[in-house]
Amino acid sequence: MSTVWTLTPNPALDFTYRLPELRLGIPHRITDSDVRPGGKGLNVSRVLAQVGVRSNATGFLGGANGERLAGLLGNLETADLISNEFVRTRVETRMSIAVIDQESRATVLNEAGNAPTTDDWEALVGLVRHSLKPEDILACCGSFPGDSDPAWMTKIVEAVHAAGARILVDATGEPLVRACEAGADLVKPNDLELKETTGADTVCEGAHALLERGVKAVIVSEGENGMSIYAADGSYRAKPARFIEGNPTGAGDASVAAWCAYIANSDPTLTAAELRCGLAGAVAMSGSAVARPVAGEIDVALYEQMKPEINVEENPCHS
């Protein structure tokens, strides 16, 4: 049976501070706050756990922040469905602070994080190579910490394939390009990331540019316009049947969770014809995340309602 792995190279302690009004230059007393284990891959694991899918979470954790993040992860209600497989490092795990006012406007301060050592990266690549089993699926999500060399993405993809497993990469810029050139199985940029990375004017052109780099399939999340998939045998798209108002921050992570669950349970060949069967579920799970106030959560009832409403269509897209 396939196992889902999530890899978060740059996890964070996610702090949320709520106050009536954010005013620059004056002290604020915070009485309403919370902290969660954050980072895109961890968000994927948390969503998977909500729908009963077990995952192994890996990446880097370091310092007092890393210890606290590990503790928070272990205290989740769904902790029994998320295995902590993180590589411990001396490099302090970063923090992310969101300040939300009474009008729900969010000001977010994201630390970039510091680059792990070469030995840390080698340990992570080795864990991937020796721990994954054939047909497992690993989702590598988010930015690399600090000034880490994007070439580590190539080594991660190679390690996954050496284990006989598959990899989905949710990244942008040079790490996304490196993943494609290394022959990643799937990549999932959003439409803006795709255009910025490839320099293309349209989603269709950008997707085909990545396919030409060597990736087997490209999944593009397009906000209110839904999601599209591209592979050598064609392209499909799907759009939600209803508008969901809320916080779109975790929508992309939720869609990655849906794809991981679909691939682990269905073992499809990575053609557009077979991936199309997972498209409605990915769009529905993405939409159900918008209804939740923080990333890493979905409205499960809304997901179940939305999924049968979504129509998947052939996408008349040409390179």
Protein backbone atom coordinates (compact mmCIF):
# COMPACT_ATOMS: atom_id res chain seq x y z
CA MET A 1 0.00 0.00 0.00
CA SER A 2 1.29 3.46 -0.91
CA THR A 3 2.37 5.85 1.86
CA VAL A 4 2.14 9.63 1.59
CA TRP A 5 5.20 11.64 2.63
CA THR A 6 5.33 15.41 2.93
CA LEU A 7 8.61 17.31 2.84
CA THR A 8 8.72 20.85 4.22
CA PRO A 9 12.21 22.28 3.69
CA ASN A 10 11.35 25.51 5.53
CA PRO A 11 8.77 24.88 8.29
CA ALA A 12 7.75 27.64 10.69
CA LEU A 13 6.09 28.38 13.97
CA ASP A 14 2.98 30.17 12.73
CA PHE A 15 1.83 32.85 15.20
CA THR A 16 -1.49 34.63 14.73
CA TYR A 17 -2.14 37.85 16.67
CA ARG A 18 -5.62 39.40 16.60
CA LEU A 19 -6.23 43.01 17.59
CA PRO A 20 -8.75 45.76 16.81
CA GLU A 21 -6.34 47.88 14.78
CA LEU A 22 -2.70 47.64 13.74
CA ARG A 23 -1.04 51.04 14.21
CA LEU A 24 2.60 51.52 13.28
CA GLY A 25 5.00 53.05 15.76
CA ILE A 26 3.08 52.25 18.96
CA PRO A 27 3.09 49.25 21.36
CA HIS A 28 0.24 46.73 21.15
CA ARG A 29 -0.88 44.41 23.93
CA ILE A 30 -1.89 41.05 22.45
CA THR A 31 -4.63 39.18 24.31
CA ASP A 32 -5.91 36.99 21.45
CA SER A 33 -3.27 34.78 19.85
CA ASP A 34 -2.44 31.23 18.87
CA VAL A 35 0.47 29.29 17.42
CA ARG A 36 0.47 26.32 15.06
CA PRO A 37 3.00 24.08 13.32
CA GLY A 38 3.34 25.73 9.92
CA GLY A 39 4.86 25.30 6.50
CA LYS A 40 3.28 24.12 3.26
CA GLY A 41 4.11 20.44 3.60
CA LEU A 42 2.83 20.36 7.18
CA ASN A 43 -0.37 22.00 5.99
CA VAL A 44 -0.73 19.15 3.51
CA SER A 45 -0.26 16.57 6.27
CA ARG A 46 -2.80 18.30 8.49
CA VAL A 47 -5.41 18.34 5.71
CA LEU A 48 -4.75 14.69 4.90
CA ALA A 49 -5.28 13.81 8.55
CA GLN A 50 -8.66 15.54 8.52
CA VAL A 51 -9.84 13.10 5.86
CA GLY A 52 -8.28 10.10 7.59
CA VAL A 53 -5.14 9.73 5.48
CA ARG A 54 -1.90 8.97 7.30
CA SER A 55 1.31 10.74 6.26
CA ASN A 56 4.97 10.89 7.24
CA ALA A 57 6.16 14.48 7.61
CA THR A 58 9.82 15.35 7.09
CA GLY A 59 12.07 18.36 6.52
CA PHE A 60 14.29 20.29 8.94
CA LEU A 61 13.66 21.25 12.57
CA GLY A 62 16.15 23.10 14.73
CA GLY A 63 16.63 24.98 17.99
CA ALA A 64 14.00 25.94 20.53
CA ASN A 65 11.53 26.84 17.77
CA GLY A 66 11.98 23.40 16.23
CA GLU A 67 11.37 21.71 19.57
CA ARG A 68 8.20 23.75 20.09
CA LEU A 69 6.97 22.97 16.58
CA ALA A 70 7.53 19.25 17.17
CA GLY A 71 5.57 19.52 20.43
CA LEU A 72 2.68 21.30 18.73
CA LEU A 73 2.65 18.67 15.99
CA GLY A 74 2.47 15.93 18.59
CA ASN A 75 -0.41 17.65 20.39
CA LEU A 76 -2.69 17.93 17.36
CA GLU A 77 -5.99 16.05 17.62
CA THR A 78 -4.92 14.16 14.51
CA ALA A 79 -1.34 13.56 15.71
CA ASP A 80 -1.73 9.79 15.39
CA LEU A 81 -2.08 10.26 11.62
CA ILE A 82 1.08 12.39 11.19
CA SER A 83 4.43 10.72 11.77
CA ASN A 84 7.31 13.05 12.74
CA GLU A 85 10.28 12.10 10.55
CA PHE A 86 12.08 15.46 10.62
CA VAL A 87 15.85 15.82 10.39
CA ARG A 88 17.15 17.69 13.45
CA THR A 89 19.59 20.51 12.81
CA ARG A 90 21.32 23.23 14.83
CA VAL A 91 19.81 25.87 12.55
CA GLU A 92 16.88 27.58 14.30
CA THR A 93 13.46 26.96 12.75
CA ARG A 94 11.93 30.21 11.52
CA MET A 95 8.83 32.07 12.70
CA SER A 96 5.91 33.51 10.75
CA ILE A 97 3.69 36.16 12.35
CA ALA A 98 0.25 37.16 11.06
CA VAL A 99 -1.42 40.21 12.58
CA ILE A 100 -5.15 40.30 11.87
CA ASP A 101 -7.31 43.36 12.59
CA GLN A 102 -11.06 43.58 13.20
CA GLU A 103 -11.70 43.92 9.47
CA SER A 104 -9.89 40.60 8.89
CA ARG A 105 -6.99 42.30 7.14
CA ALA A 106 -3.81 40.28 7.63
CA THR A 107 -0.29 41.69 7.86
CA VAL A 108 2.13 38.77 7.60
CA LEU A 109 5.80 38.83 8.59
CA ASN A 110 7.65 35.77 7.26
CA GLU A 111 11.21 35.04 8.30
CA ALA A 112 13.20 33.66 5.37
CA GLY A 113 14.88 31.03 7.53
CA ASN A 114 18.57 30.13 7.57
CA ALA A 115 20.13 27.57 5.28
CA PRO A 116 20.88 24.15 6.81
CA THR A 117 24.40 22.80 6.46
CA THR A 118 25.50 20.50 3.66
CA ASP A 119 25.51 17.63 6.16
CA ASP A 120 21.89 18.45 7.07
CA TRP A 121 20.83 18.37 3.42
CA GLU A 122 22.69 15.10 2.84
CA ALA A 123 20.92 13.60 5.86
CA LEU A 124 17.54 14.64 4.47
CA VAL A 125 18.30 13.26 1.00
CA GLY A 126 19.53 10.03 2.60
CA LEU A 127 16.36 9.71 4.69
CA VAL A 128 14.26 10.09 1.55
CA ARG A 129 16.30 7.56 -0.42
CA HIS A 130 16.26 4.90 2.31
CA SER A 131 12.82 5.40 3.88
CA LEU A 132 10.46 5.62 0.91
CA LYS A 133 9.12 2.45 -0.63
CA PRO A 134 8.14 1.78 -4.27
CA GLU A 135 4.88 3.50 -5.24
CA ASP A 136 4.98 5.90 -2.24
CA ILE A 137 4.20 9.53 -3.06
CA LEU A 138 6.22 12.44 -1.62
CA ALA A 139 4.99 16.04 -1.78
CA CYS A 140 7.87 18.53 -1.53
CA CYS A 141 6.24 21.85 -0.71
CA GLY A 142 7.36 25.42 -0.21
CA SER A 143 10.50 27.49 -0.26
CA PHE A 144 14.05 26.46 0.52
CA PRO A 145 15.42 28.10 3.69
CA GLY A 146 17.79 31.03 3.38
CA ASP A 147 20.26 30.82 0.51
CA SER A 148 20.06 27.03 0.10
CA ASP A 149 21.28 25.83 -3.29
CA PRO A 150 18.32 24.95 -5.58
CA ALA A 151 20.42 21.99 -6.76
CA TRP A 152 19.21 20.15 -3.65
CA MET A 153 15.85 19.87 -5.40
CA THR A 154 17.51 17.79 -8.10
CA LYS A 155 18.94 15.47 -5.45
CA ILE A 156 15.56 15.14 -3.71
CA VAL A 157 13.84 14.12 -6.96
CA GLU A 158 16.64 11.66 -7.74
CA ALA A 159 16.42 10.16 -4.23
CA VAL A 160 12.65 9.68 -4.55
CA HIS A 161 13.04 7.93 -7.89
CA ALA A 162 15.93 5.81 -6.60
CA ALA A 163 13.47 4.49 -3.99
CA GLY A 164 10.98 3.65 -6.75
CA ALA A 165 8.55 6.29 -5.46
CA ARG A 166 6.88 9.34 -7.02
CA ILE A 167 7.20 13.02 -6.26
CA LEU A 168 4.88 16.04 -6.51
CA VAL A 169 6.64 19.40 -6.18
CA ASP A 170 4.84 22.58 -5.10
CA ALA A 171 7.49 25.26 -5.55
CA THR A 172 8.34 28.27 -7.67
CA GLY A 173 11.34 29.78 -9.40
CA GLU A 174 14.60 27.86 -9.76
CA PRO A 175 13.58 24.94 -7.47
CA LEU A 176 10.52 24.38 -9.69
CA VAL A 177 12.68 24.38 -12.84
CA ARG A 178 15.20 22.02 -11.23
CA ALA A 179 12.38 19.64 -10.28
CA CYS A 180 11.12 19.52 -13.86
CA GLU A 181 14.59 19.01 -15.31
CA ALA A 182 15.18 16.14 -12.87
CA GLY A 183 12.04 14.43 -14.20
CA ALA A 184 9.61 15.06 -11.33
CA ASP A 185 6.35 13.16 -11.68
CA LEU A 186 4.09 16.16 -11.02
CA VAL A 187 4.48 19.85 -10.23
CA LYS A 188 1.78 22.15 -8.90
CA PRO A 189 2.44 25.87 -9.23
CA ASN A 190 -0.37 28.39 -9.14
CA ASP A 191 -1.01 30.48 -12.22
CA LEU A 192 1.07 33.48 -11.07
CA GLU A 193 4.01 31.30 -10.02
CA LEU A 194 3.87 29.47 -13.34
CA LYS A 195 3.99 32.66 -15.39
CA GLU A 196 6.73 34.22 -13.23
CA THR A 197 8.88 31.09 -13.41
CA THR A 198 8.55 30.48 -17.15
CA GLY A 199 8.04 34.04 -18.42
CA ALA A 200 4.96 32.82 -20.31
CA ASP A 201 1.96 35.05 -21.00
CA THR A 202 -0.63 32.31 -20.47
CA VAL A 203 -1.10 29.28 -18.22
CA CYS A 204 -1.19 27.03 -21.27
CA GLU A 205 2.16 28.29 -22.57
CA GLY A 206 3.74 28.05 -19.13
CA ALA A 207 2.52 24.50 -18.55
CA HIS A 208 3.90 23.32 -21.87
CA ALA A 209 7.21 25.06 -21.12
CA LEU A 210 7.52 22.96 -17.94
CA LEU A 211 6.50 19.76 -19.76
CA GLU A 212 9.31 20.43 -22.21
CA ARG A 213 11.70 20.60 -19.25
CA GLY A 214 10.93 16.98 -18.40
CA VAL A 215 8.12 16.82 -15.83
CA LYS A 216 5.44 14.22 -16.53
CA ALA A 217 2.39 16.30 -15.54
CA VAL A 218 1.68 19.91 -14.58
CA ILE A 219 -1.19 20.85 -12.27
CA VAL A 220 -2.05 24.55 -12.11
CA SER A 221 -4.30 26.07 -9.45
CA GLU A 222 -6.03 29.18 -10.77
CA GLY A 223 -7.99 30.62 -7.84
CA GLU A 224 -11.65 31.24 -8.62
CA ASN A 225 -11.08 29.77 -12.09
CA GLY A 226 -10.42 26.34 -10.61
CA MET A 227 -7.60 24.05 -11.69
CA SER A 228 -6.11 22.59 -14.84
CA ILE A 229 -3.88 19.61 -15.61
CA TYR A 230 -1.45 19.15 -18.48
CA ALA A 231 0.39 16.06 -19.71
CA ALA A 232 1.68 14.71 -23.00
CA ASP A 233 -1.70 13.18 -23.87
CA GLY A 234 -3.82 16.28 -23.30
CA SER A 235 -5.27 18.76 -20.84
CA TYR A 236 -8.36 19.04 -18.60
CA ARG A 237 -9.80 21.74 -16.39
CA ALA A 238 -12.46 22.09 -13.71
CA LYS A 239 -14.03 25.08 -11.99
CA PRO A 240 -15.97 25.17 -8.70
CA ALA A 241 -19.73 25.39 -9.13
CA ARG A 242 -20.03 27.93 -6.33
CA PHE A 243 -18.03 30.90 -5.05
CA ILE A 244 -16.51 30.38 -1.59
CA GLU A 245 -15.69 33.55 0.32
CA GLY A 246 -12.92 33.40 2.88
CA ASN A 247 -9.16 32.93 3.26
CA PRO A 248 -7.42 31.49 0.17
CA THR A 249 -4.04 31.07 1.91
CA GLY A 250 -4.23 27.30 2.36
CA ALA A 251 -6.15 26.43 -0.79
CA GLY A 252 -3.09 25.30 -2.74
CA ASP A 253 -1.87 23.10 0.11
CA ALA A 254 -5.30 21.49 0.36
CA SER A 255 -5.26 20.70 -3.36
CA VAL A 256 -1.84 19.03 -2.97
CA ALA A 257 -3.32 16.92 -0.16
CA ALA A 258 -6.16 15.87 -2.47
CA TRP A 259 -3.73 14.85 -5.22
CA CYS A 260 -1.57 12.87 -2.78
CA ALA A 261 -4.59 10.99 -1.47
CA TYR A 262 -5.84 10.29 -4.99
CA ILE A 263 -2.49 9.01 -6.22
CA ALA A 264 -1.88 6.89 -3.09
CA ASN A 265 -5.33 5.28 -3.31
CA SER A 266 -5.73 4.93 -7.07
CA ASP A 267 -2.15 4.41 -8.33
CA PRO A 268 -2.87 6.12 -11.66
CA THR A 269 -0.46 6.40 -14.53
CA LEU A 270 0.50 10.04 -14.78
CA THR A 271 -1.46 10.79 -17.93
CA ALA A 272 -4.03 13.53 -18.27
CA ALA A 273 -6.66 10.89 -19.06
CA GLU A 274 -6.21 9.26 -15.64
CA LEU A 275 -5.36 12.35 -13.60
CA ARG A 276 -8.64 13.91 -14.71
CA CYS A 277 -10.40 11.54 -12.29
CA GLY A 278 -8.74 13.31 -9.37
CA LEU A 279 -9.43 16.83 -10.60
CA ALA A 280 -12.90 17.34 -9.10
CA GLY A 281 -11.73 16.20 -5.68
CA ALA A 282 -8.74 18.55 -5.78
CA VAL A 283 -10.89 21.55 -6.73
CA ALA A 284 -13.43 20.71 -4.02
CA MET A 285 -10.78 20.28 -1.34
CA SER A 286 -9.14 23.54 -2.37
CA GLY A 287 -12.47 25.36 -2.11
CA SER A 288 -13.26 23.83 1.25
CA ALA A 289 -9.97 25.22 2.60
CA VAL A 290 -10.99 28.76 1.66
CA ALA A 291 -13.90 28.45 4.10
CA ARG A 292 -11.49 27.95 7.02
CA PRO A 293 -9.71 30.87 8.72
CA VAL A 294 -6.22 29.32 8.72
CA ALA A 295 -4.12 27.20 6.38
CA GLY A 296 -3.92 23.47 7.04
CA GLU A 297 -7.64 23.04 7.63
CA ILE A 298 -10.67 22.24 5.46
CA ASP A 299 -14.42 22.23 5.93
CA VAL A 300 -14.97 18.49 5.45
CA ALA A 301 -18.76 18.79 5.05
CA LEU A 302 -18.33 21.49 2.40
CA TYR A 303 -15.78 19.34 0.58
CA GLU A 304 -18.26 16.46 0.38
CA GLN A 305 -20.97 18.82 -0.90
CA MET A 306 -18.79 20.48 -3.54
CA LYS A 307 -17.17 17.42 -5.08
CA PRO A 308 -20.20 16.04 -7.00
CA GLU A 309 -21.06 19.54 -8.25
CA ILE A 310 -17.82 19.98 -10.19
CA ASN A 311 -17.71 19.25 -13.90
CA VAL A 312 -14.39 18.26 -15.49
CA GLU A 313 -13.95 19.34 -19.10
CA GLU A 314 -11.37 18.83 -21.78
CA ASN A 315 -9.18 21.91 -22.01
CA PRO A 316 -8.73 23.18 -25.58
CA CYS A 317 -5.16 24.20 -24.91
CA HIS A 318 -2.40 23.91 -27.47
CA SER A 319 1.31 24.58 -27.20
